[in-house]
Amino acid sequence: MTALYVDADACPVKAEAERVATRHGARMFVVSNGGLRPSQNPLVETIIVPDGPDVADMWIAERCGMGDVVVTGDIPLAAKCVAAGAQVLKHNGEALTAANIGNVLATRDLMTDLRAADPFRQGGGPGFTKADRSRFLDALERAMRTAQRP
């Protein structure tokens, strides 16, 4: 049975993910190290992991697999989930697949090195928009349909 895993720390699309999971009757795991209000939805389980680097990521990576969908902005976690056979989406709806995860991971590592070398090259990318939210909803709907196919 398809499960939806959400790396919930700083995730801007938890409510949208819950709506799509509910529509598909899929179990949803919202994983974080605390600070979230648990959902009253019986299909949604809030998982609070201990504090520590990448503990939530490890929890998701150990459990996801073929037929599951993972929502995360964490590229190393995405790479582990893709390797496990899960479909992975970023918060803006971008799919991370076996075909593109290597390039995305290399770009992330390059940007980390550039930021470390230049203290003036700090800050994030563009802000999260309504268009990103809409793309995410479309992509998650497609991913859930694909995941639930026999």
N, C-alpha and C. Protein backbone atom coordinates (compact mmCIF):
# COMPACT_ATOMS: atom_id res chain seq x y z
N MET A 1 0.85 -1.19 0.00
CA MET A 1 0.00 0.00 0.00
C MET A 1 0.89 1.24 0.00
N THR A 2 0.50 2.22 -0.77
CA THR A 2 1.27 3.45 -0.90
C THR A 2 1.26 4.26 0.38
N ALA A 3 2.43 4.77 0.74
CA ALA A 3 2.54 5.68 1.88
C ALA A 3 3.17 6.98 1.38
N LEU A 4 2.79 8.06 2.02
CA LEU A 4 3.35 9.37 1.71
C LEU A 4 4.16 9.80 2.92
N TYR A 5 5.45 10.06 2.71
CA TYR A 5 6.34 10.51 3.77
C TYR A 5 6.66 11.98 3.53
N VAL A 6 6.49 12.80 4.57
CA VAL A 6 6.77 14.23 4.45
C VAL A 6 7.86 14.60 5.44
N ASP A 7 8.97 15.09 4.91
CA ASP A 7 10.05 15.64 5.73
C ASP A 7 9.54 17.00 6.17
N ALA A 8 8.96 17.06 7.37
CA ALA A 8 8.09 18.18 7.75
C ALA A 8 8.80 19.42 8.28
N ASP A 9 10.06 19.31 8.66
CA ASP A 9 10.74 20.50 9.14
C ASP A 9 10.83 21.51 8.00
N ALA A 10 10.25 22.68 8.21
CA ALA A 10 10.25 23.77 7.23
C ALA A 10 9.54 23.40 5.92
N CYS A 11 8.58 22.49 5.98
CA CYS A 11 7.83 22.10 4.79
C CYS A 11 6.62 23.01 4.62
N PRO A 12 6.52 23.74 3.51
CA PRO A 12 5.41 24.67 3.32
C PRO A 12 4.14 24.04 2.74
N VAL A 13 4.16 22.73 2.47
CA VAL A 13 3.03 22.11 1.78
C VAL A 13 2.43 20.93 2.54
N LYS A 14 2.53 20.93 3.86
CA LYS A 14 1.98 19.82 4.65
C LYS A 14 0.47 19.69 4.48
N ALA A 15 -0.24 20.79 4.52
CA ALA A 15 -1.71 20.75 4.40
C ALA A 15 -2.12 20.23 3.03
N GLU A 16 -1.43 20.66 1.99
CA GLU A 16 -1.74 20.20 0.63
C GLU A 16 -1.46 18.71 0.49
N ALA A 17 -0.35 18.26 1.06
CA ALA A 17 -0.01 16.84 1.01
C ALA A 17 -1.06 16.01 1.73
N GLU A 18 -1.55 16.50 2.86
CA GLU A 18 -2.58 15.79 3.60
C GLU A 18 -3.86 15.66 2.79
N ARG A 19 -4.25 16.72 2.10
CA ARG A 19 -5.47 16.66 1.28
C ARG A 19 -5.34 15.60 0.19
N VAL A 20 -4.20 15.57 -0.49
CA VAL A 20 -4.00 14.61 -1.58
C VAL A 20 -3.94 13.19 -1.02
N ALA A 21 -3.22 12.98 0.07
CA ALA A 21 -3.14 11.64 0.67
C ALA A 21 -4.52 11.15 1.09
N THR A 22 -5.30 12.03 1.68
CA THR A 22 -6.65 11.66 2.12
C THR A 22 -7.52 11.29 0.93
N ARG A 23 -7.43 12.06 -0.13
CA ARG A 23 -8.22 11.78 -1.34
C ARG A 23 -7.89 10.39 -1.90
N HIS A 24 -6.63 9.98 -1.76
CA HIS A 24 -6.20 8.68 -2.28
C HIS A 24 -6.27 7.56 -1.24
N GLY A 25 -6.66 7.90 -0.02
CA GLY A 25 -6.75 6.90 1.04
C GLY A 25 -5.39 6.35 1.44
N ALA A 26 -4.35 7.16 1.28
CA ALA A 26 -2.99 6.72 1.57
C ALA A 26 -2.58 7.13 2.98
N ARG A 27 -1.79 6.31 3.60
CA ARG A 27 -1.24 6.64 4.90
C ARG A 27 -0.18 7.71 4.72
N MET A 28 -0.15 8.69 5.61
CA MET A 28 0.81 9.79 5.52
C MET A 28 1.58 9.88 6.83
N PHE A 29 2.90 9.98 6.70
CA PHE A 29 3.77 10.14 7.86
C PHE A 29 4.41 11.52 7.79
N VAL A 30 4.15 12.33 8.80
CA VAL A 30 4.70 13.68 8.90
C VAL A 30 5.83 13.58 9.92
N VAL A 31 7.07 13.67 9.45
CA VAL A 31 8.23 13.38 10.29
C VAL A 31 9.00 14.66 10.59
N SER A 32 9.22 14.92 11.88
CA SER A 32 9.99 16.10 12.30
C SER A 32 10.59 15.85 13.67
N ASN A 33 11.34 16.82 14.14
CA ASN A 33 11.88 16.69 15.50
C ASN A 33 11.10 17.53 16.49
N GLY A 34 9.86 17.84 16.16
CA GLY A 34 8.97 18.50 17.11
C GLY A 34 8.43 19.82 16.60
N GLY A 35 7.54 20.38 17.41
CA GLY A 35 6.99 21.69 17.08
C GLY A 35 5.83 21.69 16.11
N LEU A 36 5.28 20.53 15.80
CA LEU A 36 4.15 20.46 14.88
C LEU A 36 2.88 20.09 15.63
N ARG A 37 1.78 20.66 15.18
CA ARG A 37 0.49 20.28 15.73
C ARG A 37 0.03 19.01 15.02
N PRO A 38 -0.25 17.95 15.75
CA PRO A 38 -0.68 16.70 15.11
C PRO A 38 -2.03 16.87 14.40
N SER A 39 -2.16 16.20 13.29
CA SER A 39 -3.41 16.23 12.54
C SER A 39 -4.43 15.32 13.21
N GLN A 40 -5.70 15.67 13.09
CA GLN A 40 -6.77 14.82 13.60
C GLN A 40 -7.18 13.75 12.59
N ASN A 41 -6.63 13.84 11.39
CA ASN A 41 -6.92 12.89 10.32
C ASN A 41 -6.38 11.51 10.70
N PRO A 42 -7.22 10.47 10.68
CA PRO A 42 -6.75 9.13 11.07
C PRO A 42 -5.72 8.54 10.10
N LEU A 43 -5.62 9.07 8.88
CA LEU A 43 -4.63 8.57 7.93
C LEU A 43 -3.25 9.21 8.13
N VAL A 44 -3.19 10.26 8.95
CA VAL A 44 -1.95 11.01 9.13
C VAL A 44 -1.35 10.70 10.49
N GLU A 45 -0.10 10.24 10.45
CA GLU A 45 0.62 9.95 11.69
C GLU A 45 1.77 10.93 11.82
N THR A 46 1.81 11.64 12.94
CA THR A 46 2.90 12.57 13.20
C THR A 46 3.99 11.82 13.94
N ILE A 47 5.17 11.80 13.36
CA ILE A 47 6.32 11.11 13.95
C ILE A 47 7.28 12.17 14.47
N ILE A 48 7.52 12.15 15.76
CA ILE A 48 8.48 13.05 16.39
C ILE A 48 9.73 12.25 16.69
N VAL A 49 10.83 12.62 16.05
CA VAL A 49 12.09 11.92 16.26
C VAL A 49 12.96 12.73 17.23
N PRO A 50 13.94 12.09 17.85
CA PRO A 50 14.83 12.82 18.77
C PRO A 50 15.62 13.90 18.02
N ASP A 51 16.04 14.91 18.76
CA ASP A 51 16.91 15.93 18.18
C ASP A 51 18.21 15.29 17.73
N GLY A 52 18.76 15.86 16.68
CA GLY A 52 20.03 15.36 16.18
C GLY A 52 20.09 15.55 14.68
N PRO A 53 21.29 15.61 14.16
CA PRO A 53 21.43 15.83 12.73
C PRO A 53 20.88 14.66 11.92
N ASP A 54 19.99 14.96 11.02
CA ASP A 54 19.46 14.00 10.04
C ASP A 54 18.69 12.83 10.65
N VAL A 55 18.18 12.96 11.86
CA VAL A 55 17.43 11.85 12.47
C VAL A 55 16.11 11.64 11.73
N ALA A 56 15.42 12.71 11.39
CA ALA A 56 14.17 12.59 10.63
C ALA A 56 14.45 12.00 9.25
N ASP A 57 15.54 12.43 8.64
CA ASP A 57 15.90 11.90 7.32
C ASP A 57 16.15 10.40 7.38
N MET A 58 16.88 9.97 8.40
CA MET A 58 17.17 8.54 8.54
C MET A 58 15.88 7.75 8.75
N TRP A 59 14.94 8.29 9.53
CA TRP A 59 13.68 7.60 9.78
C TRP A 59 12.94 7.36 8.45
N ILE A 60 12.89 8.40 7.64
CA ILE A 60 12.20 8.27 6.34
C ILE A 60 12.95 7.32 5.42
N ALA A 61 14.26 7.49 5.30
CA ALA A 61 15.06 6.68 4.37
C ALA A 61 15.00 5.19 4.72
N GLU A 62 14.90 4.86 6.00
CA GLU A 62 14.85 3.46 6.43
C GLU A 62 13.51 2.80 6.09
N ARG A 63 12.45 3.60 5.88
CA ARG A 63 11.12 3.04 5.72
C ARG A 63 10.54 3.14 4.32
N CYS A 64 10.95 4.14 3.55
CA CYS A 64 10.33 4.33 2.24
C CYS A 64 10.85 3.29 1.25
N GLY A 65 10.06 3.08 0.21
CA GLY A 65 10.47 2.11 -0.80
C GLY A 65 9.59 2.21 -2.03
N MET A 66 9.66 1.19 -2.83
CA MET A 66 8.90 1.12 -4.06
C MET A 66 7.42 1.31 -3.77
N GLY A 67 6.77 2.18 -4.54
CA GLY A 67 5.35 2.44 -4.36
C GLY A 67 5.04 3.55 -3.38
N ASP A 68 6.06 4.13 -2.76
CA ASP A 68 5.86 5.23 -1.82
C ASP A 68 6.22 6.56 -2.48
N VAL A 69 5.76 7.64 -1.85
CA VAL A 69 6.08 8.99 -2.30
C VAL A 69 6.68 9.74 -1.13
N VAL A 70 7.76 10.47 -1.39
CA VAL A 70 8.44 11.25 -0.35
C VAL A 70 8.46 12.71 -0.78
N VAL A 71 8.13 13.60 0.16
CA VAL A 71 8.19 15.04 -0.08
C VAL A 71 9.31 15.60 0.79
N THR A 72 10.32 16.16 0.15
CA THR A 72 11.46 16.71 0.88
C THR A 72 12.20 17.74 0.05
N GLY A 73 12.83 18.66 0.73
CA GLY A 73 13.73 19.60 0.08
C GLY A 73 15.18 19.24 0.36
N ASP A 74 15.39 18.16 1.10
CA ASP A 74 16.72 17.72 1.49
C ASP A 74 17.27 16.79 0.40
N ILE A 75 18.26 17.25 -0.34
CA ILE A 75 18.75 16.51 -1.50
C ILE A 75 19.43 15.19 -1.12
N PRO A 76 20.29 15.14 -0.08
CA PRO A 76 20.85 13.83 0.28
C PRO A 76 19.77 12.81 0.68
N LEU A 77 18.73 13.26 1.40
CA LEU A 77 17.62 12.36 1.72
C LEU A 77 16.92 11.92 0.45
N ALA A 78 16.70 12.84 -0.46
CA ALA A 78 16.05 12.51 -1.73
C ALA A 78 16.83 11.43 -2.47
N ALA A 79 18.15 11.54 -2.48
CA ALA A 79 18.98 10.55 -3.17
C ALA A 79 18.79 9.17 -2.55
N LYS A 80 18.74 9.09 -1.22
CA LYS A 80 18.53 7.79 -0.55
C LYS A 80 17.16 7.22 -0.89
N CYS A 81 16.14 8.08 -0.94
CA CYS A 81 14.78 7.62 -1.22
C CYS A 81 14.63 7.17 -2.67
N VAL A 82 15.27 7.90 -3.59
CA VAL A 82 15.25 7.49 -5.00
C VAL A 82 15.93 6.12 -5.14
N ALA A 83 17.06 5.94 -4.45
CA ALA A 83 17.76 4.65 -4.50
C ALA A 83 16.90 3.52 -3.94
N ALA A 84 16.02 3.84 -2.99
CA ALA A 84 15.13 2.83 -2.40
C ALA A 84 13.92 2.55 -3.29
N GLY A 85 13.75 3.33 -4.36
CA GLY A 85 12.65 3.09 -5.28
C GLY A 85 11.45 3.98 -5.10
N ALA A 86 11.50 4.91 -4.15
CA ALA A 86 10.36 5.82 -3.92
C ALA A 86 10.36 6.94 -4.95
N GLN A 87 9.19 7.51 -5.17
CA GLN A 87 9.08 8.73 -5.96
C GLN A 87 9.32 9.89 -5.01
N VAL A 88 10.09 10.88 -5.46
CA VAL A 88 10.46 11.99 -4.59
C VAL A 88 10.09 13.31 -5.25
N LEU A 89 9.46 14.18 -4.46
CA LEU A 89 9.09 15.51 -4.93
C LEU A 89 9.66 16.56 -3.99
N LYS A 90 10.14 17.65 -4.59
CA LYS A 90 10.50 18.81 -3.78
C LYS A 90 9.22 19.60 -3.52
N HIS A 91 9.30 20.59 -2.64
CA HIS A 91 8.11 21.37 -2.26
C HIS A 91 7.52 22.17 -3.42
N ASN A 92 8.32 22.44 -4.45
CA ASN A 92 7.82 23.20 -5.59
C ASN A 92 7.29 22.30 -6.70
N GLY A 93 7.22 21.00 -6.43
CA GLY A 93 6.68 20.06 -7.41
C GLY A 93 7.73 19.42 -8.30
N GLU A 94 8.98 19.82 -8.18
CA GLU A 94 10.04 19.23 -9.01
C GLU A 94 10.26 17.78 -8.59
N ALA A 95 10.21 16.89 -9.56
CA ALA A 95 10.44 15.47 -9.28
C ALA A 95 11.93 15.19 -9.28
N LEU A 96 12.38 14.44 -8.30
CA LEU A 96 13.77 13.99 -8.24
C LEU A 96 13.76 12.51 -8.55
N THR A 97 14.47 12.14 -9.61
CA THR A 97 14.42 10.78 -10.12
C THR A 97 15.84 10.22 -10.26
N ALA A 98 15.92 8.95 -10.62
CA ALA A 98 17.22 8.33 -10.85
C ALA A 98 17.95 9.05 -11.98
N ALA A 99 17.20 9.62 -12.92
CA ALA A 99 17.82 10.30 -14.06
C ALA A 99 18.42 11.66 -13.71
N ASN A 100 17.89 12.33 -12.67
CA ASN A 100 18.39 13.68 -12.39
C ASN A 100 19.01 13.86 -11.00
N ILE A 101 18.91 12.87 -10.13
CA ILE A 101 19.36 13.08 -8.75
C ILE A 101 20.87 13.29 -8.67
N GLY A 102 21.63 12.66 -9.53
CA GLY A 102 23.08 12.85 -9.53
C GLY A 102 23.46 14.29 -9.81
N ASN A 103 22.84 14.89 -10.83
CA ASN A 103 23.12 16.29 -11.17
C ASN A 103 22.66 17.23 -10.06
N VAL A 104 21.50 16.95 -9.49
CA VAL A 104 20.97 17.81 -8.42
C VAL A 104 21.88 17.74 -7.19
N LEU A 105 22.35 16.54 -6.86
CA LEU A 105 23.25 16.37 -5.72
C LEU A 105 24.59 17.07 -5.97
N ALA A 106 25.12 16.96 -7.19
CA ALA A 106 26.38 17.62 -7.52
C ALA A 106 26.24 19.13 -7.45
N THR A 107 25.12 19.66 -7.95
CA THR A 107 24.88 21.10 -7.90
C THR A 107 24.77 21.57 -6.46
N ARG A 108 24.08 20.81 -5.63
CA ARG A 108 23.96 21.16 -4.21
C ARG A 108 25.34 21.23 -3.56
N ASP A 109 26.18 20.21 -3.83
CA ASP A 109 27.52 20.19 -3.24
C ASP A 109 28.36 21.36 -3.73
N LEU A 110 28.26 21.68 -5.02
CA LEU A 110 28.99 22.81 -5.59
C LEU A 110 28.56 24.12 -4.92
N MET A 111 27.26 24.32 -4.77
CA MET A 111 26.77 25.55 -4.16
C MET A 111 27.18 25.64 -2.69
N THR A 112 27.23 24.52 -2.00
CA THR A 112 27.69 24.51 -0.61
C THR A 112 29.14 24.97 -0.55
N ASP A 113 29.97 24.46 -1.47
CA ASP A 113 31.38 24.87 -1.51
C ASP A 113 31.52 26.35 -1.85
N LEU A 114 30.73 26.84 -2.80
CA LEU A 114 30.80 28.26 -3.18
C LEU A 114 30.40 29.16 -2.01
N ARG A 115 29.35 28.78 -1.30
CA ARG A 115 28.93 29.58 -0.14
C ARG A 115 29.99 29.58 0.95
N ALA A 116 30.64 28.45 1.14
CA ALA A 116 31.69 28.36 2.15
C ALA A 116 32.90 29.21 1.78
N ALA A 117 33.17 29.33 0.49
CA ALA A 117 34.35 30.09 0.04
C ALA A 117 34.09 31.59 -0.04
N ASP A 118 32.85 32.00 -0.13
CA ASP A 118 32.52 33.42 -0.30
C ASP A 118 31.46 33.82 0.72
N PRO A 119 31.87 34.52 1.78
CA PRO A 119 30.90 34.88 2.82
C PRO A 119 29.79 35.82 2.33
N PHE A 120 29.97 36.43 1.17
CA PHE A 120 28.93 37.32 0.64
C PHE A 120 27.92 36.57 -0.21
N ARG A 121 28.17 35.30 -0.51
CA ARG A 121 27.26 34.48 -1.31
C ARG A 121 26.40 33.65 -0.37
N GLN A 122 25.60 34.32 0.41
CA GLN A 122 24.75 33.64 1.39
C GLN A 122 23.29 33.84 0.99
N GLY A 123 22.42 33.17 1.71
CA GLY A 123 20.99 33.32 1.46
C GLY A 123 20.47 32.22 0.56
N GLY A 124 19.15 32.14 0.53
CA GLY A 124 18.51 31.09 -0.24
C GLY A 124 18.16 31.55 -1.63
N GLY A 125 17.41 30.73 -2.29
CA GLY A 125 16.96 31.03 -3.64
C GLY A 125 15.70 31.86 -3.60
N PRO A 126 14.94 31.80 -4.66
CA PRO A 126 13.69 32.56 -4.71
C PRO A 126 12.69 32.06 -3.68
N GLY A 127 11.78 32.93 -3.27
CA GLY A 127 10.77 32.56 -2.28
C GLY A 127 9.76 31.57 -2.84
N PHE A 128 9.02 30.95 -1.94
CA PHE A 128 7.98 29.99 -2.31
C PHE A 128 6.74 30.74 -2.74
N THR A 129 6.21 30.44 -3.93
CA THR A 129 5.10 31.20 -4.51
C THR A 129 3.83 30.35 -4.62
N LYS A 130 2.73 31.02 -4.97
CA LYS A 130 1.48 30.30 -5.23
C LYS A 130 1.64 29.36 -6.41
N ALA A 131 2.42 29.76 -7.40
CA ALA A 131 2.67 28.90 -8.56
C ALA A 131 3.42 27.64 -8.13
N ASP A 132 4.36 27.77 -7.19
CA ASP A 132 5.07 26.59 -6.68
C ASP A 132 4.09 25.65 -5.99
N ARG A 133 3.19 26.21 -5.20
CA ARG A 133 2.19 25.41 -4.48
C ARG A 133 1.30 24.65 -5.48
N SER A 134 0.89 25.33 -6.53
CA SER A 134 0.05 24.72 -7.55
C SER A 134 0.81 23.60 -8.29
N ARG A 135 2.07 23.85 -8.64
CA ARG A 135 2.89 22.82 -9.30
C ARG A 135 3.06 21.61 -8.38
N PHE A 136 3.24 21.88 -7.09
CA PHE A 136 3.38 20.79 -6.13
C PHE A 136 2.12 19.93 -6.11
N LEU A 137 0.96 20.57 -6.02
CA LEU A 137 -0.30 19.81 -5.97
C LEU A 137 -0.47 18.95 -7.21
N ASP A 138 -0.20 19.50 -8.38
CA ASP A 138 -0.30 18.72 -9.62
C ASP A 138 0.68 17.54 -9.62
N ALA A 139 1.92 17.82 -9.23
CA ALA A 139 2.94 16.77 -9.23
C ALA A 139 2.62 15.68 -8.21
N LEU A 140 2.14 16.06 -7.03
CA LEU A 140 1.81 15.06 -6.01
C LEU A 140 0.62 14.21 -6.46
N GLU A 141 -0.35 14.82 -7.06
CA GLU A 141 -1.50 14.04 -7.58
C GLU A 141 -1.03 13.00 -8.59
N ARG A 142 -0.16 13.41 -9.52
CA ARG A 142 0.37 12.46 -10.52
C ARG A 142 1.20 11.37 -9.84
N ALA A 143 2.04 11.76 -8.88
CA ALA A 143 2.89 10.78 -8.20
C ALA A 143 2.06 9.76 -7.43
N MET A 144 1.02 10.21 -6.76
CA MET A 144 0.17 9.29 -6.00
C MET A 144 -0.55 8.32 -6.94
N ARG A 145 -1.03 8.82 -8.06
CA ARG A 145 -1.68 7.92 -9.02
C ARG A 145 -0.71 6.88 -9.55
N THR A 146 0.50 7.31 -9.88
CA THR A 146 1.51 6.38 -10.37
C THR A 146 1.88 5.36 -9.30
N ALA A 147 2.06 5.82 -8.07
CA ALA A 147 2.45 4.92 -6.98
C ALA A 147 1.39 3.88 -6.69
N GLN A 148 0.14 4.21 -6.90
CA GLN A 148 -0.93 3.27 -6.56
C GLN A 148 -1.26 2.29 -7.68
N ARG A 149 -0.60 2.45 -8.82
CA ARG A 149 -0.80 1.47 -9.89
C ARG A 149 -0.16 0.15 -9.50
N PRO A 150 -0.82 -0.96 -9.85
CA PRO A 150 -0.24 -2.28 -9.51
C PRO A 150 1.04 -2.56 -10.27
